[in-house]
Amino acid sequence: MTQLQIPMEPVQGTVSAAAGEAAKADGMARAEAATPIDWATACQNGIREMARRGLPFQAADLIREGLVDEPDRPAMWGPQFGIAARAGVIEHAGVVASARSTVHRSLCRQWIGTAAYRKAAA
């Protein structure tokens, strides 16, 4: 029996930040297109409400606060936070363990309302 040998250098073409970003963009676009409009609208409204509060939050907080129901598919969250971030409503505020029991405390992004959004919404 021979021992498995793992190369010290990655195989050319297997590690590519550009390919990773392209795959992420494709996946996010497909998830956004498959998201029901009513859930997306409720999610955006919930994100805006949490952003106005000026405290860090994650997806679980929107559910806990009764602002949106658990989505049919977890992939529906990412595009909604991305839309809000690109619109200047929220910004990344670290990575924390998820409070959602469905994801077993895996790491997730934490968000906070931008100063500009909080000022405009006041």
N, C-alpha and C. Protein backbone atom coordinates (compact mmCIF):
# COMPACT_ATOMS: atom_id res chain seq x y z
N MET A 1 0.85 -1.17 0.00
CA MET A 1 0.00 0.00 0.00
C MET A 1 0.90 1.24 0.00
N THR A 2 0.62 2.16 -0.89
CA THR A 2 1.42 3.38 -0.96
C THR A 2 0.71 4.52 -0.24
N GLN A 3 1.50 5.44 0.21
CA GLN A 3 0.97 6.59 0.93
C GLN A 3 0.51 7.65 -0.07
N LEU A 4 -0.61 8.28 0.23
CA LEU A 4 -1.12 9.36 -0.61
C LEU A 4 -0.16 10.54 -0.56
N GLN A 5 0.21 11.03 -1.71
CA GLN A 5 1.12 12.18 -1.79
C GLN A 5 0.34 13.40 -2.28
N ILE A 6 0.35 14.44 -1.48
CA ILE A 6 -0.33 15.68 -1.85
C ILE A 6 0.72 16.67 -2.31
N PRO A 7 0.54 17.21 -3.51
CA PRO A 7 1.54 18.16 -4.01
C PRO A 7 1.61 19.40 -3.11
N MET A 8 2.79 19.97 -2.99
CA MET A 8 3.00 21.15 -2.15
C MET A 8 2.46 22.41 -2.82
N GLU A 9 2.38 22.42 -4.11
CA GLU A 9 1.87 23.57 -4.86
C GLU A 9 0.52 23.19 -5.46
N PRO A 10 -0.42 24.14 -5.50
CA PRO A 10 -1.71 23.81 -6.12
C PRO A 10 -1.55 23.52 -7.61
N VAL A 11 -2.41 22.67 -8.11
CA VAL A 11 -2.42 22.36 -9.53
C VAL A 11 -2.82 23.63 -10.28
N GLN A 12 -2.07 23.97 -11.31
CA GLN A 12 -2.32 25.19 -12.08
C GLN A 12 -3.78 25.25 -12.52
N GLY A 13 -4.42 26.38 -12.27
CA GLY A 13 -5.80 26.60 -12.68
C GLY A 13 -6.84 26.20 -11.65
N THR A 14 -6.44 25.54 -10.56
CA THR A 14 -7.42 25.13 -9.56
C THR A 14 -7.67 26.20 -8.52
N VAL A 15 -6.75 27.15 -8.37
CA VAL A 15 -6.92 28.25 -7.43
C VAL A 15 -6.94 29.53 -8.25
N SER A 16 -8.11 30.12 -8.34
CA SER A 16 -8.26 31.33 -9.14
C SER A 16 -9.30 32.24 -8.50
N ALA A 17 -8.84 33.37 -7.99
CA ALA A 17 -9.76 34.33 -7.39
C ALA A 17 -10.79 34.81 -8.41
N ALA A 18 -10.37 35.03 -9.63
CA ALA A 18 -11.29 35.51 -10.67
C ALA A 18 -12.36 34.46 -10.97
N ALA A 19 -11.95 33.20 -11.05
CA ALA A 19 -12.93 32.14 -11.31
C ALA A 19 -13.88 32.00 -10.13
N GLY A 20 -13.37 32.16 -8.93
CA GLY A 20 -14.22 32.10 -7.74
C GLY A 20 -15.24 33.22 -7.73
N GLU A 21 -14.82 34.43 -8.06
CA GLU A 21 -15.75 35.56 -8.12
C GLU A 21 -16.80 35.37 -9.21
N ALA A 22 -16.38 34.83 -10.35
CA ALA A 22 -17.33 34.59 -11.44
C ALA A 22 -18.36 33.54 -11.03
N ALA A 23 -17.92 32.48 -10.36
CA ALA A 23 -18.84 31.45 -9.90
C ALA A 23 -19.80 32.01 -8.85
N LYS A 24 -19.28 32.86 -7.97
CA LYS A 24 -20.12 33.49 -6.95
C LYS A 24 -21.18 34.37 -7.61
N ALA A 25 -20.78 35.20 -8.55
CA ALA A 25 -21.72 36.09 -9.25
C ALA A 25 -22.79 35.28 -9.97
N ASP A 26 -22.39 34.19 -10.61
CA ASP A 26 -23.35 33.34 -11.31
C ASP A 26 -24.34 32.72 -10.33
N GLY A 27 -23.84 32.19 -9.24
CA GLY A 27 -24.71 31.57 -8.24
C GLY A 27 -25.66 32.56 -7.61
N MET A 28 -25.16 33.77 -7.32
CA MET A 28 -26.01 34.81 -6.73
C MET A 28 -27.09 35.23 -7.71
N ALA A 29 -26.76 35.36 -8.98
CA ALA A 29 -27.74 35.75 -9.99
C ALA A 29 -28.83 34.69 -10.12
N ARG A 30 -28.43 33.41 -10.11
CA ARG A 30 -29.41 32.34 -10.21
C ARG A 30 -30.31 32.30 -8.97
N ALA A 31 -29.72 32.51 -7.79
CA ALA A 31 -30.51 32.51 -6.55
C ALA A 31 -31.48 33.69 -6.53
N GLU A 32 -31.01 34.85 -6.96
CA GLU A 32 -31.88 36.03 -6.99
C GLU A 32 -33.05 35.81 -7.96
N ALA A 33 -32.78 35.25 -9.12
CA ALA A 33 -33.82 35.01 -10.12
C ALA A 33 -34.85 34.00 -9.62
N ALA A 34 -34.45 33.08 -8.75
CA ALA A 34 -35.35 32.05 -8.24
C ALA A 34 -36.06 32.46 -6.95
N THR A 35 -35.79 33.66 -6.45
CA THR A 35 -36.38 34.12 -5.20
C THR A 35 -37.75 34.74 -5.44
N PRO A 36 -38.77 34.28 -4.71
CA PRO A 36 -40.10 34.88 -4.86
C PRO A 36 -40.06 36.39 -4.53
N ILE A 37 -40.74 37.18 -5.34
CA ILE A 37 -40.73 38.64 -5.18
C ILE A 37 -41.24 39.06 -3.80
N ASP A 38 -42.30 38.41 -3.31
CA ASP A 38 -42.85 38.81 -2.01
C ASP A 38 -41.85 38.58 -0.88
N TRP A 39 -41.09 37.47 -0.93
CA TRP A 39 -40.09 37.23 0.10
C TRP A 39 -38.94 38.23 -0.03
N ALA A 40 -38.51 38.50 -1.25
CA ALA A 40 -37.42 39.45 -1.48
C ALA A 40 -37.81 40.83 -0.97
N THR A 41 -39.04 41.26 -1.21
CA THR A 41 -39.50 42.56 -0.75
C THR A 41 -39.53 42.62 0.78
N ALA A 42 -40.06 41.58 1.41
CA ALA A 42 -40.08 41.52 2.87
C ALA A 42 -38.66 41.53 3.44
N CYS A 43 -37.76 40.81 2.79
CA CYS A 43 -36.37 40.76 3.24
C CYS A 43 -35.71 42.14 3.13
N GLN A 44 -35.89 42.81 2.00
CA GLN A 44 -35.31 44.15 1.84
C GLN A 44 -35.87 45.12 2.88
N ASN A 45 -37.17 45.05 3.14
CA ASN A 45 -37.78 45.91 4.17
C ASN A 45 -37.20 45.59 5.54
N GLY A 46 -37.00 44.31 5.83
CA GLY A 46 -36.41 43.91 7.10
C GLY A 46 -34.97 44.38 7.24
N ILE A 47 -34.21 44.26 6.18
CA ILE A 47 -32.82 44.72 6.21
C ILE A 47 -32.79 46.23 6.47
N ARG A 48 -33.66 46.99 5.81
CA ARG A 48 -33.70 48.44 6.03
C ARG A 48 -34.06 48.77 7.48
N GLU A 49 -35.02 48.03 8.03
CA GLU A 49 -35.41 48.26 9.43
C GLU A 49 -34.23 48.00 10.36
N MET A 50 -33.54 46.88 10.17
CA MET A 50 -32.39 46.57 11.03
C MET A 50 -31.28 47.59 10.81
N ALA A 51 -31.08 48.04 9.58
CA ALA A 51 -30.03 49.02 9.28
C ALA A 51 -30.31 50.34 10.00
N ARG A 52 -31.58 50.74 10.06
CA ARG A 52 -31.93 52.00 10.75
C ARG A 52 -31.57 51.96 12.22
N ARG A 53 -31.59 50.78 12.81
CA ARG A 53 -31.31 50.65 14.25
C ARG A 53 -29.85 50.91 14.59
N GLY A 54 -28.96 50.75 13.62
CA GLY A 54 -27.55 51.04 13.85
C GLY A 54 -26.80 50.02 14.68
N LEU A 55 -27.33 48.81 14.79
CA LEU A 55 -26.67 47.74 15.53
C LEU A 55 -26.29 46.62 14.56
N PRO A 56 -25.20 45.91 14.82
CA PRO A 56 -24.83 44.79 13.95
C PRO A 56 -25.94 43.73 13.95
N PHE A 57 -26.17 43.12 12.78
CA PHE A 57 -27.20 42.09 12.67
C PHE A 57 -26.82 41.07 11.61
N GLN A 58 -27.51 39.95 11.64
CA GLN A 58 -27.34 38.87 10.67
C GLN A 58 -28.72 38.39 10.25
N ALA A 59 -28.76 37.47 9.31
CA ALA A 59 -30.02 36.96 8.79
C ALA A 59 -30.94 36.46 9.90
N ALA A 60 -30.40 35.77 10.87
CA ALA A 60 -31.22 35.22 11.96
C ALA A 60 -31.99 36.31 12.70
N ASP A 61 -31.41 37.49 12.78
CA ASP A 61 -32.07 38.58 13.49
C ASP A 61 -33.34 39.04 12.77
N LEU A 62 -33.34 38.99 11.45
CA LEU A 62 -34.54 39.35 10.70
C LEU A 62 -35.67 38.38 10.99
N ILE A 63 -35.34 37.11 11.13
CA ILE A 63 -36.35 36.09 11.46
C ILE A 63 -36.81 36.27 12.91
N ARG A 64 -35.85 36.42 13.81
CA ARG A 64 -36.16 36.56 15.24
C ARG A 64 -37.07 37.76 15.50
N GLU A 65 -36.84 38.84 14.77
CA GLU A 65 -37.64 40.06 14.93
C GLU A 65 -38.98 39.99 14.21
N GLY A 66 -39.22 38.90 13.49
CA GLY A 66 -40.48 38.75 12.77
C GLY A 66 -40.58 39.61 11.52
N LEU A 67 -39.43 40.02 10.99
CA LEU A 67 -39.40 40.90 9.81
C LEU A 67 -39.51 40.11 8.51
N VAL A 68 -39.13 38.84 8.54
CA VAL A 68 -39.19 37.98 7.36
C VAL A 68 -39.21 36.53 7.83
N ASP A 69 -39.83 35.68 7.05
CA ASP A 69 -39.85 34.25 7.35
C ASP A 69 -38.57 33.59 6.85
N GLU A 70 -38.30 32.41 7.37
CA GLU A 70 -37.17 31.61 6.87
C GLU A 70 -37.42 31.38 5.38
N PRO A 71 -36.40 31.58 4.53
CA PRO A 71 -36.61 31.38 3.09
C PRO A 71 -36.73 29.90 2.74
N ASP A 72 -37.27 29.66 1.55
CA ASP A 72 -37.38 28.28 1.06
C ASP A 72 -36.01 27.64 0.91
N ARG A 73 -35.02 28.43 0.51
CA ARG A 73 -33.64 27.96 0.30
C ARG A 73 -32.68 28.96 0.94
N PRO A 74 -31.68 28.50 1.68
CA PRO A 74 -30.73 29.42 2.31
C PRO A 74 -30.01 30.33 1.31
N ALA A 75 -29.87 29.87 0.06
CA ALA A 75 -29.18 30.69 -0.96
C ALA A 75 -29.92 31.98 -1.27
N MET A 76 -31.15 32.11 -0.81
CA MET A 76 -31.92 33.33 -1.07
C MET A 76 -31.41 34.52 -0.26
N TRP A 77 -30.71 34.28 0.83
CA TRP A 77 -30.22 35.38 1.68
C TRP A 77 -29.15 36.21 1.00
N GLY A 78 -28.14 35.57 0.45
CA GLY A 78 -26.97 36.27 -0.09
C GLY A 78 -27.29 37.39 -1.05
N PRO A 79 -28.10 37.13 -2.07
CA PRO A 79 -28.41 38.21 -3.01
C PRO A 79 -29.09 39.40 -2.35
N GLN A 80 -29.92 39.14 -1.35
CA GLN A 80 -30.64 40.25 -0.71
C GLN A 80 -29.69 41.15 0.08
N PHE A 81 -28.76 40.54 0.80
CA PHE A 81 -27.77 41.36 1.51
C PHE A 81 -26.86 42.08 0.52
N GLY A 82 -26.52 41.42 -0.59
CA GLY A 82 -25.70 42.06 -1.62
C GLY A 82 -26.38 43.26 -2.23
N ILE A 83 -27.67 43.14 -2.52
CA ILE A 83 -28.45 44.26 -3.08
C ILE A 83 -28.43 45.44 -2.11
N ALA A 84 -28.68 45.16 -0.84
CA ALA A 84 -28.70 46.24 0.16
C ALA A 84 -27.32 46.87 0.33
N ALA A 85 -26.28 46.07 0.28
CA ALA A 85 -24.92 46.61 0.41
C ALA A 85 -24.56 47.50 -0.78
N ARG A 86 -24.89 47.04 -2.00
CA ARG A 86 -24.60 47.84 -3.20
C ARG A 86 -25.41 49.15 -3.21
N ALA A 87 -26.57 49.14 -2.57
CA ALA A 87 -27.41 50.33 -2.50
C ALA A 87 -26.97 51.30 -1.40
N GLY A 88 -25.95 50.90 -0.62
CA GLY A 88 -25.46 51.77 0.44
C GLY A 88 -26.27 51.72 1.72
N VAL A 89 -27.14 50.72 1.86
CA VAL A 89 -27.97 50.59 3.05
C VAL A 89 -27.18 49.97 4.19
N ILE A 90 -26.39 48.95 3.89
CA ILE A 90 -25.62 48.22 4.91
C ILE A 90 -24.18 48.07 4.46
N GLU A 91 -23.34 47.74 5.44
CA GLU A 91 -21.95 47.42 5.16
C GLU A 91 -21.54 46.25 6.04
N HIS A 92 -20.53 45.55 5.59
CA HIS A 92 -20.01 44.38 6.30
C HIS A 92 -19.50 44.82 7.67
N ALA A 93 -19.83 44.04 8.70
CA ALA A 93 -19.42 44.36 10.07
C ALA A 93 -18.84 43.15 10.78
N GLY A 94 -18.14 42.30 10.04
CA GLY A 94 -17.48 41.16 10.65
C GLY A 94 -18.14 39.84 10.31
N VAL A 95 -17.57 38.79 10.86
CA VAL A 95 -18.05 37.43 10.66
C VAL A 95 -18.30 36.84 12.04
N VAL A 96 -19.47 36.25 12.21
CA VAL A 96 -19.86 35.68 13.50
C VAL A 96 -20.51 34.32 13.28
N ALA A 97 -20.68 33.58 14.34
CA ALA A 97 -21.42 32.31 14.25
C ALA A 97 -22.89 32.62 14.04
N SER A 98 -23.50 31.92 13.11
CA SER A 98 -24.92 32.14 12.83
C SER A 98 -25.76 31.69 14.01
N ALA A 99 -26.81 32.44 14.28
CA ALA A 99 -27.76 32.07 15.32
C ALA A 99 -28.86 31.16 14.77
N ARG A 100 -28.88 30.93 13.46
CA ARG A 100 -29.90 30.09 12.83
C ARG A 100 -29.58 28.62 13.09
N SER A 101 -30.51 27.92 13.71
CA SER A 101 -30.27 26.51 14.03
C SER A 101 -30.14 25.65 12.78
N THR A 102 -30.73 26.10 11.68
CA THR A 102 -30.69 25.31 10.45
C THR A 102 -29.31 25.22 9.83
N VAL A 103 -28.39 26.07 10.24
CA VAL A 103 -27.04 26.05 9.67
C VAL A 103 -25.98 25.66 10.71
N HIS A 104 -26.44 25.19 11.86
CA HIS A 104 -25.54 24.60 12.87
C HIS A 104 -24.40 25.54 13.30
N ARG A 105 -24.72 26.82 13.49
CA ARG A 105 -23.75 27.81 14.00
C ARG A 105 -22.56 28.02 13.05
N SER A 106 -22.75 27.79 11.77
CA SER A 106 -21.68 28.06 10.82
C SER A 106 -21.41 29.56 10.78
N LEU A 107 -20.26 29.93 10.26
CA LEU A 107 -19.91 31.35 10.19
C LEU A 107 -20.77 32.07 9.16
N CYS A 108 -21.13 33.29 9.48
CA CYS A 108 -21.90 34.11 8.54
C CYS A 108 -21.47 35.57 8.69
N ARG A 109 -21.79 36.33 7.68
CA ARG A 109 -21.48 37.76 7.73
C ARG A 109 -22.44 38.46 8.67
N GLN A 110 -21.91 39.48 9.29
CA GLN A 110 -22.70 40.37 10.13
C GLN A 110 -22.72 41.72 9.42
N TRP A 111 -23.81 42.43 9.51
CA TRP A 111 -24.00 43.69 8.79
C TRP A 111 -24.40 44.79 9.75
N ILE A 112 -24.24 46.03 9.30
CA ILE A 112 -24.70 47.19 10.06
C ILE A 112 -25.13 48.25 9.05
N GLY A 113 -26.11 49.03 9.45
CA GLY A 113 -26.54 50.11 8.56
C GLY A 113 -25.43 51.13 8.39
N THR A 114 -25.26 51.64 7.18
CA THR A 114 -24.23 52.65 6.95
C THR A 114 -24.64 53.95 7.62
N ALA A 115 -23.67 54.74 7.98
CA ALA A 115 -23.95 56.04 8.60
C ALA A 115 -24.82 56.90 7.69
N ALA A 116 -24.51 56.88 6.39
CA ALA A 116 -25.28 57.67 5.44
C ALA A 116 -26.74 57.23 5.39
N TYR A 117 -26.97 55.93 5.39
CA TYR A 117 -28.35 55.42 5.36
C TYR A 117 -29.09 55.78 6.64
N ARG A 118 -28.43 55.60 7.77
CA ARG A 118 -29.08 55.91 9.05
C ARG A 118 -29.44 57.39 9.12
N LYS A 119 -28.56 58.23 8.63
CA LYS A 119 -28.83 59.68 8.64
C LYS A 119 -30.01 60.01 7.72
N ALA A 120 -30.03 59.43 6.52
CA ALA A 120 -31.11 59.69 5.56
C ALA A 120 -32.44 59.13 6.05
N ALA A 121 -32.40 58.01 6.78
CA ALA A 121 -33.63 57.36 7.25
C ALA A 121 -34.18 57.98 8.52
N ALA A 122 -33.39 58.82 9.19
CA ALA A 122 -33.80 59.41 10.47
C ALA A 122 -34.90 60.44 10.30
